[in-house]
Amino acid sequence: MIIMKKILQIVVISLFLCNFTYADTMEELLNNKYKITKEELVKFDRYAQKIFTLKKGKQVKICTIEIHQVYGVSSNTKCVTP
């Protein structure tokens, strides 16, 4: 059951990173009055992904930040429009 959950999480994150239109950075979206409506943490063996859902009216953006055990938080955020 846990393995299936991890596989599903990997598939969902891969879809967000590969098949959707890229948006601005998370900082730019927050400056443009988007609000964080949901936060999730997906853990893997050597790193984790923090996933943020941002909304402004009916517009939705999904942003991810990588957190590595050795390097810490990545400075690059990836935001997509689902």
PDB file of N, CA and C in Angstrom:
ATOM      1  N   MET A   1       0.822  -1.195   0.000  1.00  0.00           N
ATOM      2  CA  MET A   1       0.000   0.000   0.000  1.00  0.00           C
ATOM      3  C   MET A   1       0.872   1.267   0.000  1.00  0.00           C
ATOM      4  N   ILE A   2       1.918   1.279   0.834  1.00  0.00           N
ATOM      5  CA  ILE A   2       2.801   2.439   0.914  1.00  0.00           C
ATOM      6  C   ILE A   2       3.548   2.613  -0.399  1.00  0.00           C
ATOM      7  N   ILE A   3       3.968   1.499  -1.008  1.00  0.00           N
ATOM      8  CA  ILE A   3       4.690   1.569  -2.280  1.00  0.00           C
ATOM      9  C   ILE A   3       3.790   2.143  -3.365  1.00  0.00           C
ATOM     10  N   MET A   4       2.538   1.734  -3.392  1.00  0.00           N
ATOM     11  CA  MET A   4       1.596   2.253  -4.393  1.00  0.00           C
ATOM     12  C   MET A   4       1.378   3.761  -4.206  1.00  0.00           C
ATOM     13  N   LYS A   5       1.314   4.201  -2.967  1.00  0.00           N
ATOM     14  CA  LYS A   5       1.137   5.623  -2.687  1.00  0.00           C
ATOM     15  C   LYS A   5       2.329   6.421  -3.192  1.00  0.00           C
ATOM     16  N   LYS A   6       3.550   5.920  -2.951  1.00  0.00           N
ATOM     17  CA  LYS A   6       4.762   6.601  -3.421  1.00  0.00           C
ATOM     18  C   LYS A   6       4.791   6.658  -4.949  1.00  0.00           C
ATOM     19  N   ILE A   7       4.428   5.549  -5.593  1.00  0.00           N
ATOM     20  CA  ILE A   7       4.403   5.521  -7.061  1.00  0.00           C
ATOM     21  C   ILE A   7       3.406   6.529  -7.595  1.00  0.00           C
ATOM     22  N   LEU A   8       2.236   6.591  -6.995  1.00  0.00           N
ATOM     23  CA  LEU A   8       1.223   7.561  -7.420  1.00  0.00           C
ATOM     24  C   LEU A   8       1.721   8.991  -7.249  1.00  0.00           C
ATOM     25  N   GLN A   9       2.384   9.277  -6.142  1.00  0.00           N
ATOM     26  CA  GLN A   9       2.921  10.608  -5.910  1.00  0.00           C
ATOM     27  C   GLN A   9       3.974  10.964  -6.951  1.00  0.00           C
ATOM     28  N   ILE A  10       4.834  10.019  -7.295  1.00  0.00           N
ATOM     29  CA  ILE A  10       5.861  10.261  -8.307  1.00  0.00           C
ATOM     30  C   ILE A  10       5.214  10.546  -9.651  1.00  0.00           C
ATOM     31  N   VAL A  11       4.185   9.793 -10.000  1.00  0.00           N
ATOM     32  CA  VAL A  11       3.492   9.993 -11.277  1.00  0.00           C
ATOM     33  C   VAL A  11       2.837  11.372 -11.321  1.00  0.00           C
ATOM     34  N   VAL A  12       2.167  11.757 -10.252  1.00  0.00           N
ATOM     35  CA  VAL A  12       1.489  13.059 -10.208  1.00  0.00           C
ATOM     36  C   VAL A  12       2.496  14.197 -10.340  1.00  0.00           C
ATOM     37  N   ILE A  13       3.590  14.123  -9.603  1.00  0.00           N
ATOM     38  CA  ILE A  13       4.613  15.174  -9.675  1.00  0.00           C
ATOM     39  C   ILE A  13       5.224  15.223 -11.066  1.00  0.00           C
ATOM     40  N   SER A  14       5.481  14.060 -11.658  1.00  0.00           N
ATOM     41  CA  SER A  14       6.045  14.011 -13.013  1.00  0.00           C
ATOM     42  C   SER A  14       5.113  14.657 -14.017  1.00  0.00           C
ATOM     43  N   LEU A  15       3.823  14.395 -13.885  1.00  0.00           N
ATOM     44  CA  LEU A  15       2.850  15.016 -14.791  1.00  0.00           C
ATOM     45  C   LEU A  15       2.851  16.532 -14.647  1.00  0.00           C
ATOM     46  N   PHE A  16       2.903  17.004 -13.427  1.00  0.00           N
ATOM     47  CA  PHE A  16       2.927  18.447 -13.214  1.00  0.00           C
ATOM     48  C   PHE A  16       4.174  19.087 -13.809  1.00  0.00           C
ATOM     49  N   LEU A  17       5.295  18.416 -13.726  1.00  0.00           N
ATOM     50  CA  LEU A  17       6.543  18.995 -14.186  1.00  0.00           C
ATOM     51  C   LEU A  17       6.743  18.866 -15.696  1.00  0.00           C
ATOM     52  N   CYS A  18       6.076  17.922 -16.328  1.00  0.00           N
ATOM     53  CA  CYS A  18       6.351  17.646 -17.741  1.00  0.00           C
ATOM     54  C   CYS A  18       5.263  18.116 -18.704  1.00  0.00           C
ATOM     55  N   ASN A  19       4.008  17.970 -18.356  1.00  0.00           N
ATOM     56  CA  ASN A  19       2.951  18.101 -19.351  1.00  0.00           C
ATOM     57  C   ASN A  19       2.109  19.368 -19.249  1.00  0.00           C
ATOM     58  N   PHE A  20       2.450  20.264 -18.404  1.00  0.00           N
ATOM     59  CA  PHE A  20       1.625  21.449 -18.235  1.00  0.00           C
ATOM     60  C   PHE A  20       2.404  22.708 -18.593  1.00  0.00           C
ATOM     61  N   THR A  21       1.678  23.773 -18.809  1.00  0.00           N
ATOM     62  CA  THR A  21       2.293  25.043 -19.147  1.00  0.00           C
ATOM     63  C   THR A  21       3.000  25.625 -17.927  1.00  0.00           C
ATOM     64  N   TYR A  22       4.244  26.047 -18.115  1.00  0.00           N
ATOM     65  CA  TYR A  22       4.983  26.638 -17.005  1.00  0.00           C
ATOM     66  C   TYR A  22       4.534  28.069 -16.761  1.00  0.00           C
ATOM     67  N   ALA A  23       4.509  28.446 -15.516  1.00  0.00           N
ATOM     68  CA  ALA A  23       4.061  29.781 -15.119  1.00  0.00           C
ATOM     69  C   ALA A  23       5.233  30.552 -14.542  1.00  0.00           C
ATOM     70  N   ASP A  24       4.919  31.624 -13.870  1.00  0.00           N
ATOM     71  CA  ASP A  24       5.925  32.459 -13.219  1.00  0.00           C
ATOM     72  C   ASP A  24       6.483  31.728 -11.995  1.00  0.00           C
ATOM     73  N   THR A  25       7.410  32.370 -11.308  1.00  0.00           N
ATOM     74  CA  THR A  25       7.913  31.809 -10.057  1.00  0.00           C
ATOM     75  C   THR A  25       6.860  32.004  -8.973  1.00  0.00           C
ATOM     76  N   MET A  26       7.012  31.268  -7.908  1.00  0.00           N
ATOM     77  CA  MET A  26       6.052  31.365  -6.803  1.00  0.00           C
ATOM     78  C   MET A  26       6.040  32.772  -6.208  1.00  0.00           C
ATOM     79  N   GLU A  27       7.207  33.380  -6.114  1.00  0.00           N
ATOM     80  CA  GLU A  27       7.290  34.739  -5.575  1.00  0.00           C
ATOM     81  C   GLU A  27       6.500  35.722  -6.436  1.00  0.00           C
ATOM     82  N   GLU A  28       6.634  35.601  -7.753  1.00  0.00           N
ATOM     83  CA  GLU A  28       5.887  36.484  -8.653  1.00  0.00           C
ATOM     84  C   GLU A  28       4.387  36.257  -8.540  1.00  0.00           C
ATOM     85  N   LEU A  29       3.983  35.001  -8.398  1.00  0.00           N
ATOM     86  CA  LEU A  29       2.557  34.701  -8.248  1.00  0.00           C
ATOM     87  C   LEU A  29       2.006  35.293  -6.956  1.00  0.00           C
ATOM     88  N   LEU A  30       2.759  35.173  -5.865  1.00  0.00           N
ATOM     89  CA  LEU A  30       2.307  35.750  -4.595  1.00  0.00           C
ATOM     90  C   LEU A  30       2.234  37.275  -4.688  1.00  0.00           C
ATOM     91  N   ASN A  31       3.180  37.882  -5.412  1.00  0.00           N
ATOM     92  CA  ASN A  31       3.131  39.329  -5.620  1.00  0.00           C
ATOM     93  C   ASN A  31       1.947  39.746  -6.486  1.00  0.00           C
ATOM     94  N   ASN A  32       1.457  38.811  -7.319  1.00  0.00           N
ATOM     95  CA  ASN A  32       0.300  39.078  -8.175  1.00  0.00           C
ATOM     96  C   ASN A  32      -1.009  38.667  -7.505  1.00  0.00           C
ATOM     97  N   LYS A  33      -1.016  38.621  -6.183  1.00  0.00           N
ATOM     98  CA  LYS A  33      -2.198  38.400  -5.357  1.00  0.00           C
ATOM     99  C   LYS A  33      -2.754  36.984  -5.385  1.00  0.00           C
ATOM    100  N   TYR A  34      -1.926  36.001  -5.769  1.00  0.00           N
ATOM    101  CA  TYR A  34      -2.325  34.607  -5.588  1.00  0.00           C
ATOM    102  C   TYR A  34      -2.189  34.282  -4.110  1.00  0.00           C
ATOM    103  N   LYS A  35      -3.055  33.419  -3.602  1.00  0.00           N
ATOM    104  CA  LYS A  35      -3.035  33.006  -2.198  1.00  0.00           C
ATOM    105  C   LYS A  35      -2.755  31.509  -2.118  1.00  0.00           C
ATOM    106  N   ILE A  36      -1.950  31.107  -1.148  1.00  0.00           N
ATOM    107  CA  ILE A  36      -1.682  29.689  -0.923  1.00  0.00           C
ATOM    108  C   ILE A  36      -2.907  29.087  -0.254  1.00  0.00           C
ATOM    109  N   THR A  37      -3.492  28.072  -0.904  1.00  0.00           N
ATOM    110  CA  THR A  37      -4.690  27.439  -0.362  1.00  0.00           C
ATOM    111  C   THR A  37      -4.423  26.038   0.174  1.00  0.00           C
ATOM    112  N   LYS A  38      -3.278  25.445  -0.212  1.00  0.00           N
ATOM    113  CA  LYS A  38      -2.972  24.094   0.249  1.00  0.00           C
ATOM    114  C   LYS A  38      -1.465  23.874   0.194  1.00  0.00           C
ATOM    115  N   GLU A  39      -0.942  23.143   1.179  1.00  0.00           N
ATOM    116  CA  GLU A  39       0.470  22.761   1.220  1.00  0.00           C
ATOM    117  C   GLU A  39       0.561  21.267   1.489  1.00  0.00           C
ATOM    118  N   GLU A  40       1.451  20.586   0.759  1.00  0.00           N
ATOM    119  CA  GLU A  40       1.676  19.161   0.963  1.00  0.00           C
ATOM    120  C   GLU A  40       3.175  18.893   0.958  1.00  0.00           C
ATOM    121  N   LEU A  41       3.583  17.882   1.692  1.00  0.00           N
ATOM    122  CA  LEU A  41       4.974  17.458   1.703  1.00  0.00           C
ATOM    123  C   LEU A  41       5.022  15.997   1.270  1.00  0.00           C
ATOM    124  N   VAL A  42       5.758  15.718   0.189  1.00  0.00           N
ATOM    125  CA  VAL A  42       5.926  14.357  -0.314  1.00  0.00           C
ATOM    126  C   VAL A  42       7.376  13.964  -0.071  1.00  0.00           C
ATOM    127  N   LYS A  43       7.585  12.919   0.744  1.00  0.00           N
ATOM    128  CA  LYS A  43       8.937  12.508   1.125  1.00  0.00           C
ATOM    129  C   LYS A  43       9.402  11.326   0.285  1.00  0.00           C
ATOM    130  N   PHE A  44      10.669  11.390  -0.119  1.00  0.00           N
ATOM    131  CA  PHE A  44      11.343  10.301  -0.809  1.00  0.00           C
ATOM    132  C   PHE A  44      12.561   9.919   0.021  1.00  0.00           C
ATOM    133  N   ASP A  45      13.386   9.001  -0.467  1.00  0.00           N
ATOM    134  CA  ASP A  45      14.541   8.544   0.313  1.00  0.00           C
ATOM    135  C   ASP A  45      15.516   9.662   0.647  1.00  0.00           C
ATOM    136  N   ARG A  46      15.948  10.430  -0.357  1.00  0.00           N
ATOM    137  CA  ARG A  46      17.001  11.432  -0.139  1.00  0.00           C
ATOM    138  C   ARG A  46      16.539  12.870  -0.297  1.00  0.00           C
ATOM    139  N   TYR A  47      15.289  13.066  -0.641  1.00  0.00           N
ATOM    140  CA  TYR A  47      14.771  14.418  -0.775  1.00  0.00           C
ATOM    141  C   TYR A  47      13.262  14.412  -0.588  1.00  0.00           C
ATOM    142  N   ALA A  48      12.693  15.586  -0.554  1.00  0.00           N
ATOM    143  CA  ALA A  48      11.239  15.735  -0.431  1.00  0.00           C
ATOM    144  C   ALA A  48      10.798  16.837  -1.382  1.00  0.00           C
ATOM    145  N   GLN A  49       9.543  16.867  -1.687  1.00  0.00           N
ATOM    146  CA  GLN A  49       8.941  17.917  -2.515  1.00  0.00           C
ATOM    147  C   GLN A  49       7.866  18.606  -1.685  1.00  0.00           C
ATOM    148  N   LYS A  50       7.951  19.906  -1.595  1.00  0.00           N
ATOM    149  CA  LYS A  50       6.892  20.692  -0.963  1.00  0.00           C
ATOM    150  C   LYS A  50       6.004  21.185  -2.101  1.00  0.00           C
ATOM    151  N   ILE A  51       4.730  20.875  -2.064  1.00  0.00           N
ATOM    152  CA  ILE A  51       3.800  21.231  -3.135  1.00  0.00           C
ATOM    153  C   ILE A  51       2.814  22.260  -2.600  1.00  0.00           C
ATOM    154  N   PHE A  52       2.720  23.385  -3.314  1.00  0.00           N
ATOM    155  CA  PHE A  52       1.813  24.462  -2.939  1.00  0.00           C
ATOM    156  C   PHE A  52       0.743  24.616  -4.010  1.00  0.00           C
ATOM    157  N   THR A  53      -0.495  24.766  -3.584  1.00  0.00           N
ATOM    158  CA  THR A  53      -1.582  25.118  -4.498  1.00  0.00           C
ATOM    159  C   THR A  53      -1.904  26.582  -4.247  1.00  0.00           C
ATOM    160  N   LEU A  54      -1.858  27.387  -5.312  1.00  0.00           N
ATOM    161  CA  LEU A  54      -2.145  28.815  -5.216  1.00  0.00           C
ATOM    162  C   LEU A  54      -3.382  29.125  -6.050  1.00  0.00           C
ATOM    163  N   LYS A  55      -4.206  30.033  -5.549  1.00  0.00           N
ATOM    164  CA  LYS A  55      -5.415  30.418  -6.281  1.00  0.00           C
ATOM    165  C   LYS A  55      -5.581  31.929  -6.283  1.00  0.00           C
ATOM    166  N   LYS A  56      -6.146  32.407  -7.391  1.00  0.00           N
ATOM    167  CA  LYS A  56      -6.546  33.809  -7.529  1.00  0.00           C
ATOM    168  C   LYS A  56      -7.828  33.770  -8.344  1.00  0.00           C
ATOM    169  N   GLY A  57      -8.950  33.970  -7.664  1.00  0.00           N
ATOM    170  CA  GLY A  57     -10.234  33.807  -8.334  1.00  0.00           C
ATOM    171  C   GLY A  57     -10.398  32.346  -8.734  1.00  0.00           C
ATOM    172  N   LYS A  58     -10.635  32.105 -10.026  1.00  0.00           N
ATOM    173  CA  LYS A  58     -10.764  30.737 -10.524  1.00  0.00           C
ATOM    174  C   LYS A  58      -9.461  30.197 -11.106  1.00  0.00           C
ATOM    175  N   GLN A  59      -8.418  31.014 -11.106  1.00  0.00           N
ATOM    176  CA  GLN A  59      -7.120  30.588 -11.637  1.00  0.00           C
ATOM    177  C   GLN A  59      -6.376  29.790 -10.562  1.00  0.00           C
ATOM    178  N   VAL A  60      -5.796  28.667 -10.983  1.00  0.00           N
ATOM    179  CA  VAL A  60      -5.076  27.787 -10.068  1.00  0.00           C
ATOM    180  C   VAL A  60      -3.667  27.559 -10.605  1.00  0.00           C
ATOM    181  N   LYS A  61      -2.690  27.583  -9.722  1.00  0.00           N
ATOM    182  CA  LYS A  61      -1.291  27.283 -10.049  1.00  0.00           C
ATOM    183  C   LYS A  61      -0.784  26.280  -9.023  1.00  0.00           C
ATOM    184  N   ILE A  62       0.065  25.360  -9.462  1.00  0.00           N
ATOM    185  CA  ILE A  62       0.702  24.392  -8.585  1.00  0.00           C
ATOM    186  C   ILE A  62       2.208  24.656  -8.620  1.00  0.00           C
ATOM    187  N   CYS A  63       2.821  24.851  -7.454  1.00  0.00           N
ATOM    188  CA  CYS A  63       4.254  25.119  -7.363  1.00  0.00           C
ATOM    189  C   CYS A  63       4.920  24.045  -6.514  1.00  0.00           C
ATOM    190  N   THR A  64       6.139  23.657  -6.914  1.00  0.00           N
ATOM    191  CA  THR A  64       6.893  22.671  -6.144  1.00  0.00           C
ATOM    192  C   THR A  64       8.273  23.218  -5.806  1.00  0.00           C
ATOM    193  N   ILE A  65       8.760  22.806  -4.647  1.00  0.00           N
ATOM    194  CA  ILE A  65      10.102  23.149  -4.192  1.00  0.00           C
ATOM    195  C   ILE A  65      10.755  21.861  -3.712  1.00  0.00           C
ATOM    196  N   GLU A  66      11.986  21.596  -4.157  1.00  0.00           N
ATOM    197  CA  GLU A  66      12.709  20.411  -3.709  1.00  0.00           C
ATOM    198  C   GLU A  66      13.483  20.707  -2.434  1.00  0.00           C
ATOM    199  N   ILE A  67      13.479  19.740  -1.535  1.00  0.00           N
ATOM    200  CA  ILE A  67      14.231  19.838  -0.285  1.00  0.00           C
ATOM    201  C   ILE A  67      15.140  18.617  -0.228  1.00  0.00           C
ATOM    202  N   HIS A  68      16.463  18.840  -0.280  1.00  0.00           N
ATOM    203  CA  HIS A  68      17.442  17.756  -0.270  1.00  0.00           C
ATOM    204  C   HIS A  68      18.029  17.603   1.125  1.00  0.00           C
ATOM    205  N   GLN A  69      18.385  16.366   1.483  1.00  0.00           N
ATOM    206  CA  GLN A  69      19.019  16.114   2.782  1.00  0.00           C
ATOM    207  C   GLN A  69      20.360  16.823   2.889  1.00  0.00           C
ATOM    208  N   VAL A  70      21.142  16.818   1.819  1.00  0.00           N
ATOM    209  CA  VAL A  70      22.487  17.382   1.856  1.00  0.00           C
ATOM    210  C   VAL A  70      22.476  18.866   1.531  1.00  0.00           C
ATOM    211  N   TYR A  71      21.768  19.265   0.476  1.00  0.00           N
ATOM    212  CA  TYR A  71      21.834  20.634  -0.032  1.00  0.00           C
ATOM    213  C   TYR A  71      20.808  21.570   0.577  1.00  0.00           C
ATOM    214  N   GLY A  72      19.794  21.059   1.216  1.00  0.00           N
ATOM    215  CA  GLY A  72      18.751  21.898   1.789  1.00  0.00           C
ATOM    216  C   GLY A  72      17.695  22.250   0.752  1.00  0.00           C
ATOM    217  N   VAL A  73      17.070  23.398   0.923  1.00  0.00           N
ATOM    218  CA  VAL A  73      15.978  23.829   0.046  1.00  0.00           C
ATOM    219  C   VAL A  73      16.534  24.366  -1.262  1.00  0.00           C
ATOM    220  N   SER A  74      15.954  23.918  -2.361  1.00  0.00           N
ATOM    221  CA  SER A  74      16.346  24.397  -3.690  1.00  0.00           C
ATOM    222  C   SER A  74      15.862  25.821  -3.870  1.00  0.00           C
ATOM    223  N   SER A  75      16.646  26.624  -4.558  1.00  0.00           N
ATOM    224  CA  SER A  75      16.231  28.005  -4.809  1.00  0.00           C
ATOM    225  C   SER A  75      15.272  28.113  -5.991  1.00  0.00           C
ATOM    226  N   ASN A  76      15.114  27.026  -6.745  1.00  0.00           N
ATOM    227  CA  ASN A  76      14.237  27.043  -7.904  1.00  0.00           C
ATOM    228  C   ASN A  76      12.859  26.491  -7.551  1.00  0.00           C
ATOM    229  N   THR A  77      11.840  27.289  -7.805  1.00  0.00           N
ATOM    230  CA  THR A  77      10.490  26.791  -7.688  1.00  0.00           C
ATOM    231  C   THR A  77       9.967  26.551  -9.095  1.00  0.00           C
ATOM    232  N   LYS A  78       9.171  25.522  -9.237  1.00  0.00           N
ATOM    233  CA  LYS A  78       8.561  25.219 -10.534  1.00  0.00           C
ATOM    234  C   LYS A  78       7.052  25.359 -10.359  1.00  0.00           C
ATOM    235  N   CYS A  79       6.467  26.235 -11.146  1.00  0.00           N
ATOM    236  CA  CYS A  79       5.032  26.463 -11.059  1.00  0.00           C
ATOM    237  C   CYS A  79       4.390  26.138 -12.395  1.00  0.00           C
ATOM    238  N   VAL A  80       3.233  25.474 -12.331  1.00  0.00           N
ATOM    239  CA  VAL A  80       2.523  25.080 -13.537  1.00  0.00           C
ATOM    240  C   VAL A  80       1.044  25.441 -13.411  1.00  0.00           C
ATOM    241  N   THR A  81       0.416  25.548 -14.571  1.00  0.00           N
ATOM    242  CA  THR A  81      -1.025  25.737 -14.643  1.00  0.00           C
ATOM    243  C   THR A  81      -1.627  24.379 -15.011  1.00  0.00           C
ATOM    244  N   PRO A  82      -2.391  23.769 -14.134  1.00  0.00           N
ATOM    245  CA  PRO A  82      -2.958  22.451 -14.464  1.00  0.00           C
ATOM    246  C   PRO A  82      -4.019  22.549 -15.541  1.00  0.00           C
TER     247      PRO A  82
END
